[in-house]
Amino acid sequence: MVFLLVGVAVFYVWSHAQVVRVGMRLSELKKEQVRLTEERQRLKMEQISLLSLKRIETYASTKLGMVYPEPSVIRVVREP
């Protein structure tokens, strides 16, 4: 009878420790999910900024020295 009670007590302690361990892991994963969601939002905003036509035009003109061509040098090529 004593062995049965000791066995039940050991199982109870083990199962309680497992519940606590899984609960802590769940808490860690929830924090990571929040962090990743925030990072995803930040990256989306960065993507929108980087793909902005105005930003690209400014970069092309200031950093690359590009200019719009004069209408006289534009040639339209039609597919035969």
PDB file of N, CA and C in Angstrom:
ATOM      1  N   MET A   1       0.825  -1.193   0.000  1.00  0.00           N
ATOM      2  CA  MET A   1       0.000   0.000   0.000  1.00  0.00           C
ATOM      3  C   MET A   1       0.878   1.269   0.000  1.00  0.00           C
ATOM      4  N   VAL A   2       1.974   1.247   0.741  1.00  0.00           N
ATOM      5  CA  VAL A   2       2.868   2.388   0.845  1.00  0.00           C
ATOM      6  C   VAL A   2       3.508   2.661  -0.523  1.00  0.00           C
ATOM      7  N   PHE A   3       3.898   1.597  -1.233  1.00  0.00           N
ATOM      8  CA  PHE A   3       4.497   1.765  -2.563  1.00  0.00           C
ATOM      9  C   PHE A   3       3.518   2.418  -3.530  1.00  0.00           C
ATOM     10  N   LEU A   4       2.256   2.060  -3.402  1.00  0.00           N
ATOM     11  CA  LEU A   4       1.226   2.643  -4.273  1.00  0.00           C
ATOM     12  C   LEU A   4       1.081   4.137  -3.996  1.00  0.00           C
ATOM     13  N   LEU A   5       1.066   4.516  -2.718  1.00  0.00           N
ATOM     14  CA  LEU A   5       0.952   5.931  -2.360  1.00  0.00           C
ATOM     15  C   LEU A   5       2.190   6.700  -2.807  1.00  0.00           C
ATOM     16  N   VAL A   6       3.363   6.124  -2.652  1.00  0.00           N
ATOM     17  CA  VAL A   6       4.590   6.777  -3.100  1.00  0.00           C
ATOM     18  C   VAL A   6       4.568   6.922  -4.616  1.00  0.00           C
ATOM     19  N   GLY A   7       4.126   5.878  -5.312  1.00  0.00           N
ATOM     20  CA  GLY A   7       4.028   5.929  -6.769  1.00  0.00           C
ATOM     21  C   GLY A   7       3.076   7.014  -7.237  1.00  0.00           C
ATOM     22  N   VAL A   8       1.923   7.111  -6.578  1.00  0.00           N
ATOM     23  CA  VAL A   8       0.938   8.142  -6.922  1.00  0.00           C
ATOM     24  C   VAL A   8       1.505   9.524  -6.635  1.00  0.00           C
ATOM     25  N   ALA A   9       2.197   9.674  -5.506  1.00  0.00           N
ATOM     26  CA  ALA A   9       2.780  10.970  -5.155  1.00  0.00           C
ATOM     27  C   ALA A   9       3.854  11.370  -6.162  1.00  0.00           C
ATOM     28  N   VAL A  10       4.697  10.437  -6.553  1.00  0.00           N
ATOM     29  CA  VAL A  10       5.736  10.731  -7.544  1.00  0.00           C
ATOM     30  C   VAL A  10       5.103  11.117  -8.875  1.00  0.00           C
ATOM     31  N   PHE A  11       4.081  10.385  -9.277  1.00  0.00           N
ATOM     32  CA  PHE A  11       3.392  10.706 -10.537  1.00  0.00           C
ATOM     33  C   PHE A  11       2.760  12.093 -10.462  1.00  0.00           C
ATOM     34  N   TYR A  12       2.153  12.434  -9.335  1.00  0.00           N
ATOM     35  CA  TYR A  12       1.526  13.742  -9.177  1.00  0.00           C
ATOM     36  C   TYR A  12       2.567  14.854  -9.297  1.00  0.00           C
ATOM     37  N   VAL A  13       3.700  14.697  -8.600  1.00  0.00           N
ATOM     38  CA  VAL A  13       4.752  15.715  -8.644  1.00  0.00           C
ATOM     39  C   VAL A  13       5.293  15.830 -10.069  1.00  0.00           C
ATOM     40  N   TRP A  14       5.538  14.704 -10.715  1.00  0.00           N
ATOM     41  CA  TRP A  14       6.055  14.708 -12.090  1.00  0.00           C
ATOM     42  C   TRP A  14       5.074  15.396 -13.033  1.00  0.00           C
ATOM     43  N   SER A  15       3.787  15.026 -12.936  1.00  0.00           N
ATOM     44  CA  SER A  15       2.793  15.621 -13.839  1.00  0.00           C
ATOM     45  C   SER A  15       2.638  17.117 -13.574  1.00  0.00           C
ATOM     46  N   HIS A  16       2.710  17.524 -12.315  1.00  0.00           N
ATOM     47  CA  HIS A  16       2.619  18.955 -11.996  1.00  0.00           C
ATOM     48  C   HIS A  16       3.829  19.699 -12.582  1.00  0.00           C
ATOM     49  N   ALA A  17       5.014  19.110 -12.471  1.00  0.00           N
ATOM     50  CA  ALA A  17       6.218  19.726 -13.038  1.00  0.00           C
ATOM     51  C   ALA A  17       6.088  19.844 -14.552  1.00  0.00           C
ATOM     52  N   GLN A  18       5.505  18.851 -15.192  1.00  0.00           N
ATOM     53  CA  GLN A  18       5.300  18.899 -16.647  1.00  0.00           C
ATOM     54  C   GLN A  18       4.344  20.031 -17.021  1.00  0.00           C
ATOM     55  N   VAL A  19       3.293  20.177 -16.256  1.00  0.00           N
ATOM     56  CA  VAL A  19       2.313  21.248 -16.521  1.00  0.00           C
ATOM     57  C   VAL A  19       2.986  22.610 -16.381  1.00  0.00           C
ATOM     58  N   VAL A  20       3.793  22.777 -15.340  1.00  0.00           N
ATOM     59  CA  VAL A  20       4.501  24.043 -15.128  1.00  0.00           C
ATOM     60  C   VAL A  20       5.474  24.289 -16.282  1.00  0.00           C
ATOM     61  N   ARG A  21       6.225  23.253 -16.694  1.00  0.00           N
ATOM     62  CA  ARG A  21       7.186  23.388 -17.780  1.00  0.00           C
ATOM     63  C   ARG A  21       6.492  23.774 -19.089  1.00  0.00           C
ATOM     64  N   VAL A  22       5.387  23.107 -19.385  1.00  0.00           N
ATOM     65  CA  VAL A  22       4.655  23.409 -20.618  1.00  0.00           C
ATOM     66  C   VAL A  22       4.059  24.818 -20.549  1.00  0.00           C
ATOM     67  N   GLY A  23       3.593  25.210 -19.384  1.00  0.00           N
ATOM     68  CA  GLY A  23       3.051  26.565 -19.218  1.00  0.00           C
ATOM     69  C   GLY A  23       4.108  27.630 -19.447  1.00  0.00           C
ATOM     70  N   MET A  24       5.312  27.383 -18.943  1.00  0.00           N
ATOM     71  CA  MET A  24       6.403  28.339 -19.150  1.00  0.00           C
ATOM     72  C   MET A  24       6.778  28.413 -20.624  1.00  0.00           C
ATOM     73  N   ARG A  25       6.814  27.265 -21.271  1.00  0.00           N
ATOM     74  CA  ARG A  25       7.146  27.243 -22.712  1.00  0.00           C
ATOM     75  C   ARG A  25       6.086  27.986 -23.504  1.00  0.00           C
ATOM     76  N   LEU A  26       4.830  27.790 -23.149  1.00  0.00           N
ATOM     77  CA  LEU A  26       3.736  28.484 -23.828  1.00  0.00           C
ATOM     78  C   LEU A  26       3.875  29.991 -23.664  1.00  0.00           C
ATOM     79  N   SER A  27       4.241  30.421 -22.468  1.00  0.00           N
ATOM     80  CA  SER A  27       4.442  31.845 -22.213  1.00  0.00           C
ATOM     81  C   SER A  27       5.580  32.400 -23.078  1.00  0.00           C
ATOM     82  N   GLU A  28       6.674  31.644 -23.178  1.00  0.00           N
ATOM     83  CA  GLU A  28       7.798  32.065 -24.025  1.00  0.00           C
ATOM     84  C   GLU A  28       7.371  32.178 -25.485  1.00  0.00           C
ATOM     85  N   LEU A  29       6.601  31.208 -25.942  1.00  0.00           N
ATOM     86  CA  LEU A  29       6.171  31.215 -27.341  1.00  0.00           C
ATOM     87  C   LEU A  29       5.211  32.366 -27.633  1.00  0.00           C
ATOM     88  N   LYS A  30       4.364  32.697 -26.666  1.00  0.00           N
ATOM     89  CA  LYS A  30       3.462  33.835 -26.849  1.00  0.00           C
ATOM     90  C   LYS A  30       4.249  35.141 -26.958  1.00  0.00           C
ATOM     91  N   LYS A  31       5.291  35.275 -26.128  1.00  0.00           N
ATOM     92  CA  LYS A  31       6.135  36.478 -26.207  1.00  0.00           C
ATOM     93  C   LYS A  31       6.831  36.546 -27.564  1.00  0.00           C
ATOM     94  N   GLU A  32       7.317  35.401 -28.023  1.00  0.00           N
ATOM     95  CA  GLU A  32       7.983  35.372 -29.329  1.00  0.00           C
ATOM     96  C   GLU A  32       7.006  35.706 -30.448  1.00  0.00           C
ATOM     97  N   GLN A  33       5.771  35.239 -30.319  1.00  0.00           N
ATOM     98  CA  GLN A  33       4.768  35.542 -31.332  1.00  0.00           C
ATOM     99  C   GLN A  33       4.512  37.049 -31.397  1.00  0.00           C
ATOM    100  N   VAL A  34       4.418  37.687 -30.248  1.00  0.00           N
ATOM    101  CA  VAL A  34       4.215  39.146 -30.211  1.00  0.00           C
ATOM    102  C   VAL A  34       5.406  39.848 -30.858  1.00  0.00           C
ATOM    103  N   ARG A  35       6.621  39.406 -30.506  1.00  0.00           N
ATOM    104  CA  ARG A  35       7.826  40.023 -31.072  1.00  0.00           C
ATOM    105  C   ARG A  35       7.874  39.854 -32.587  1.00  0.00           C
ATOM    106  N   LEU A  36       7.545  38.658 -33.057  1.00  0.00           N
ATOM    107  CA  LEU A  36       7.581  38.411 -34.498  1.00  0.00           C
ATOM    108  C   LEU A  36       6.486  39.181 -35.240  1.00  0.00           C
ATOM    109  N   THR A  37       5.332  39.320 -34.614  1.00  0.00           N
ATOM    110  CA  THR A  37       4.254  40.103 -35.222  1.00  0.00           C
ATOM    111  C   THR A  37       4.675  41.564 -35.351  1.00  0.00           C
ATOM    112  N   GLU A  38       5.311  42.093 -34.312  1.00  0.00           N
ATOM    113  CA  GLU A  38       5.791  43.479 -34.367  1.00  0.00           C
ATOM    114  C   GLU A  38       6.880  43.639 -35.420  1.00  0.00           C
ATOM    115  N   GLU A  39       7.778  42.665 -35.503  1.00  0.00           N
ATOM    116  CA  GLU A  39       8.841  42.739 -36.504  1.00  0.00           C
ATOM    117  C   GLU A  39       8.262  42.651 -37.913  1.00  0.00           C
ATOM    118  N   ARG A  40       7.273  41.802 -38.095  1.00  0.00           N
ATOM    119  CA  ARG A  40       6.616  41.681 -39.410  1.00  0.00           C
ATOM    120  C   ARG A  40       5.992  43.008 -39.811  1.00  0.00           C
ATOM    121  N   GLN A  41       5.314  43.663 -38.871  1.00  0.00           N
ATOM    122  CA  GLN A  41       4.694  44.965 -39.151  1.00  0.00           C
ATOM    123  C   GLN A  41       5.759  46.000 -39.512  1.00  0.00           C
ATOM    124  N   ARG A  42       6.868  45.994 -38.761  1.00  0.00           N
ATOM    125  CA  ARG A  42       7.954  46.931 -39.043  1.00  0.00           C
ATOM    126  C   ARG A  42       8.543  46.687 -40.430  1.00  0.00           C
ATOM    127  N   LEU A  43       8.718  45.425 -40.781  1.00  0.00           N
ATOM    128  CA  LEU A  43       9.272  45.091 -42.093  1.00  0.00           C
ATOM    129  C   LEU A  43       8.316  45.459 -43.222  1.00  0.00           C
ATOM    130  N   LYS A  44       7.012  45.313 -42.981  1.00  0.00           N
ATOM    131  CA  LYS A  44       6.036  45.733 -43.993  1.00  0.00           C
ATOM    132  C   LYS A  44       6.118  47.238 -44.235  1.00  0.00           C
ATOM    133  N   MET A  45       6.255  47.991 -43.136  1.00  0.00           N
ATOM    134  CA  MET A  45       6.354  49.439 -43.273  1.00  0.00           C
ATOM    135  C   MET A  45       7.651  49.809 -43.994  1.00  0.00           C
ATOM    136  N   GLU A  46       8.730  49.100 -43.690  1.00  0.00           N
ATOM    137  CA  GLU A  46       9.998  49.351 -44.361  1.00  0.00           C
ATOM    138  C   GLU A  46       9.885  49.026 -45.849  1.00  0.00           C
ATOM    139  N   GLN A  47       9.205  47.945 -46.177  1.00  0.00           N
ATOM    140  CA  GLN A  47       9.014  47.568 -47.577  1.00  0.00           C
ATOM    141  C   GLN A  47       8.224  48.650 -48.310  1.00  0.00           C
ATOM    142  N   ILE A  48       7.164  49.127 -47.700  1.00  0.00           N
ATOM    143  CA  ILE A  48       6.352  50.181 -48.309  1.00  0.00           C
ATOM    144  C   ILE A  48       7.209  51.418 -48.554  1.00  0.00           C
ATOM    145  N   SER A  49       8.031  51.756 -47.568  1.00  0.00           N
ATOM    146  CA  SER A  49       8.907  52.925 -47.698  1.00  0.00           C
ATOM    147  C   SER A  49       9.915  52.729 -48.828  1.00  0.00           C
ATOM    148  N   LEU A  50      10.521  51.543 -48.875  1.00  0.00           N
ATOM    149  CA  LEU A  50      11.549  51.296 -49.886  1.00  0.00           C
ATOM    150  C   LEU A  50      10.971  51.234 -51.299  1.00  0.00           C
ATOM    151  N   LEU A  51       9.719  50.838 -51.414  1.00  0.00           N
ATOM    152  CA  LEU A  51       9.104  50.742 -52.737  1.00  0.00           C
ATOM    153  C   LEU A  51       8.401  52.031 -53.162  1.00  0.00           C
ATOM    154  N   SER A  52       8.462  53.048 -52.340  1.00  0.00           N
ATOM    155  CA  SER A  52       7.830  54.322 -52.645  1.00  0.00           C
ATOM    156  C   SER A  52       8.435  54.922 -53.917  1.00  0.00           C
ATOM    157  N   LEU A  53       7.588  55.268 -54.868  1.00  0.00           N
ATOM    158  CA  LEU A  53       8.050  55.832 -56.135  1.00  0.00           C
ATOM    159  C   LEU A  53       8.820  57.133 -55.905  1.00  0.00           C
ATOM    160  N   LYS A  54       8.345  57.967 -54.999  1.00  0.00           N
ATOM    161  CA  LYS A  54       9.013  59.236 -54.719  1.00  0.00           C
ATOM    162  C   LYS A  54      10.416  58.983 -54.175  1.00  0.00           C
ATOM    163  N   ARG A  55      10.560  58.012 -53.280  1.00  0.00           N
ATOM    164  CA  ARG A  55      11.866  57.685 -52.728  1.00  0.00           C
ATOM    165  C   ARG A  55      12.798  57.178 -53.817  1.00  0.00           C
ATOM    166  N   ILE A  56      12.292  56.331 -54.694  1.00  0.00           N
ATOM    167  CA  ILE A  56      13.103  55.786 -55.780  1.00  0.00           C
ATOM    168  C   ILE A  56      13.536  56.897 -56.731  1.00  0.00           C
ATOM    169  N   GLU A  57      12.619  57.795 -57.053  1.00  0.00           N
ATOM    170  CA  GLU A  57      12.962  58.918 -57.936  1.00  0.00           C
ATOM    171  C   GLU A  57      14.030  59.805 -57.299  1.00  0.00           C
ATOM    172  N   THR A  58      13.872  60.087 -56.015  1.00  0.00           N
ATOM    173  CA  THR A  58      14.855  60.924 -55.313  1.00  0.00           C
ATOM    174  C   THR A  58      16.215  60.242 -55.295  1.00  0.00           C
ATOM    175  N   TYR A  59      16.242  58.964 -54.996  1.00  0.00           N
ATOM    176  CA  TYR A  59      17.506  58.220 -54.966  1.00  0.00           C
ATOM    177  C   TYR A  59      18.154  58.221 -56.354  1.00  0.00           C
ATOM    178  N   ALA A  60      17.348  57.969 -57.383  1.00  0.00           N
ATOM    179  CA  ALA A  60      17.887  57.920 -58.742  1.00  0.00           C
ATOM    180  C   ALA A  60      18.488  59.268 -59.151  1.00  0.00           C
ATOM    181  N   SER A  61      17.825  60.358 -58.793  1.00  0.00           N
ATOM    182  CA  SER A  61      18.337  61.661 -59.216  1.00  0.00           C
ATOM    183  C   SER A  61      19.507  62.138 -58.356  1.00  0.00           C
ATOM    184  N   THR A  62      19.449  61.920 -57.043  1.00  0.00           N
ATOM    185  CA  THR A  62      20.516  62.443 -56.182  1.00  0.00           C
ATOM    186  C   THR A  62      21.727  61.524 -56.098  1.00  0.00           C
ATOM    187  N   LYS A  63      21.502  60.249 -55.957  1.00  0.00           N
ATOM    188  CA  LYS A  63      22.629  59.320 -55.763  1.00  0.00           C
ATOM    189  C   LYS A  63      23.185  58.779 -57.078  1.00  0.00           C
ATOM    190  N   LEU A  64      22.317  58.586 -58.054  1.00  0.00           N
ATOM    191  CA  LEU A  64      22.759  57.998 -59.319  1.00  0.00           C
ATOM    192  C   LEU A  64      22.915  59.027 -60.439  1.00  0.00           C
ATOM    193  N   GLY A  65      22.463  60.252 -60.191  1.00  0.00           N
ATOM    194  CA  GLY A  65      22.597  61.300 -61.191  1.00  0.00           C
ATOM    195  C   GLY A  65      21.686  61.112 -62.396  1.00  0.00           C
ATOM    196  N   MET A  66      20.622  60.380 -62.230  1.00  0.00           N
ATOM    197  CA  MET A  66      19.708  60.138 -63.359  1.00  0.00           C
ATOM    198  C   MET A  66      18.776  61.328 -63.542  1.00  0.00           C
ATOM    199  N   VAL A  67      18.380  61.558 -64.778  1.00  0.00           N
ATOM    200  CA  VAL A  67      17.441  62.633 -65.105  1.00  0.00           C
ATOM    201  C   VAL A  67      16.420  62.082 -66.095  1.00  0.00           C
ATOM    202  N   TYR A  68      15.293  62.756 -66.168  1.00  0.00           N
ATOM    203  CA  TYR A  68      14.299  62.378 -67.167  1.00  0.00           C
ATOM    204  C   TYR A  68      14.839  62.754 -68.549  1.00  0.00           C
ATOM    205  N   PRO A  69      14.617  61.917 -69.545  1.00  0.00           N
ATOM    206  CA  PRO A  69      15.135  62.234 -70.881  1.00  0.00           C
ATOM    207  C   PRO A  69      14.323  63.358 -71.529  1.00  0.00           C
ATOM    208  N   GLU A  70      14.974  64.080 -72.404  1.00  0.00           N
ATOM    209  CA  GLU A  70      14.279  65.109 -73.184  1.00  0.00           C
ATOM    210  C   GLU A  70      13.337  64.399 -74.156  1.00  0.00           C
ATOM    211  N   PRO A  71      12.178  64.980 -74.414  1.00  0.00           N
ATOM    212  CA  PRO A  71      11.228  64.341 -75.344  1.00  0.00           C
ATOM    213  C   PRO A  71      11.829  64.076 -76.722  1.00  0.00           C
ATOM    214  N   SER A  72      12.791  64.872 -77.121  1.00  0.00           N
ATOM    215  CA  SER A  72      13.375  64.722 -78.463  1.00  0.00           C
ATOM    216  C   SER A  72      14.227  63.465 -78.606  1.00  0.00           C
ATOM    217  N   VAL A  73      14.706  62.884 -77.489  1.00  0.00           N
ATOM    218  CA  VAL A  73      15.549  61.695 -77.558  1.00  0.00           C
ATOM    219  C   VAL A  73      14.793  60.414 -77.293  1.00  0.00           C
ATOM    220  N   ILE A  74      13.504  60.527 -77.042  1.00  0.00           N
ATOM    221  CA  ILE A  74      12.683  59.340 -76.777  1.00  0.00           C
ATOM    222  C   ILE A  74      12.284  58.705 -78.102  1.00  0.00           C
ATOM    223  N   ARG A  75      12.520  57.439 -78.237  1.00  0.00           N
ATOM    224  CA  ARG A  75      12.150  56.697 -79.456  1.00  0.00           C
ATOM    225  C   ARG A  75      11.181  55.588 -79.058  1.00  0.00           C
ATOM    226  N   VAL A  76      10.094  55.496 -79.751  1.00  0.00           N
ATOM    227  CA  VAL A  76       9.100  54.448 -79.508  1.00  0.00           C
ATOM    228  C   VAL A  76       9.382  53.315 -80.487  1.00  0.00           C
ATOM    229  N   VAL A  77       9.556  52.141 -79.983  1.00  0.00           N
ATOM    230  CA  VAL A  77       9.827  50.986 -80.830  1.00  0.00           C
ATOM    231  C   VAL A  77       8.586  50.104 -80.806  1.00  0.00           C
ATOM    232  N   ARG A  78       8.059  49.862 -81.966  1.00  0.00           N
ATOM    233  CA  ARG A  78       6.866  49.020 -82.067  1.00  0.00           C
ATOM    234  C   ARG A  78       7.260  47.604 -82.441  1.00  0.00           C
ATOM    235  N   GLU A  79       6.527  46.667 -81.909  1.00  0.00           N
ATOM    236  CA  GLU A  79       6.789  45.270 -82.239  1.00  0.00           C
ATOM    237  C   GLU A  79       6.256  44.987 -83.647  1.00  0.00           C
ATOM    238  N   PRO A  80       7.040  44.295 -84.464  1.00  0.00           N
ATOM    239  CA  PRO A  80       6.580  44.057 -85.856  1.00  0.00           C
ATOM    240  C   PRO A  80       5.408  43.102 -85.908  1.00  0.00           C
TER     241      PRO A  80
END
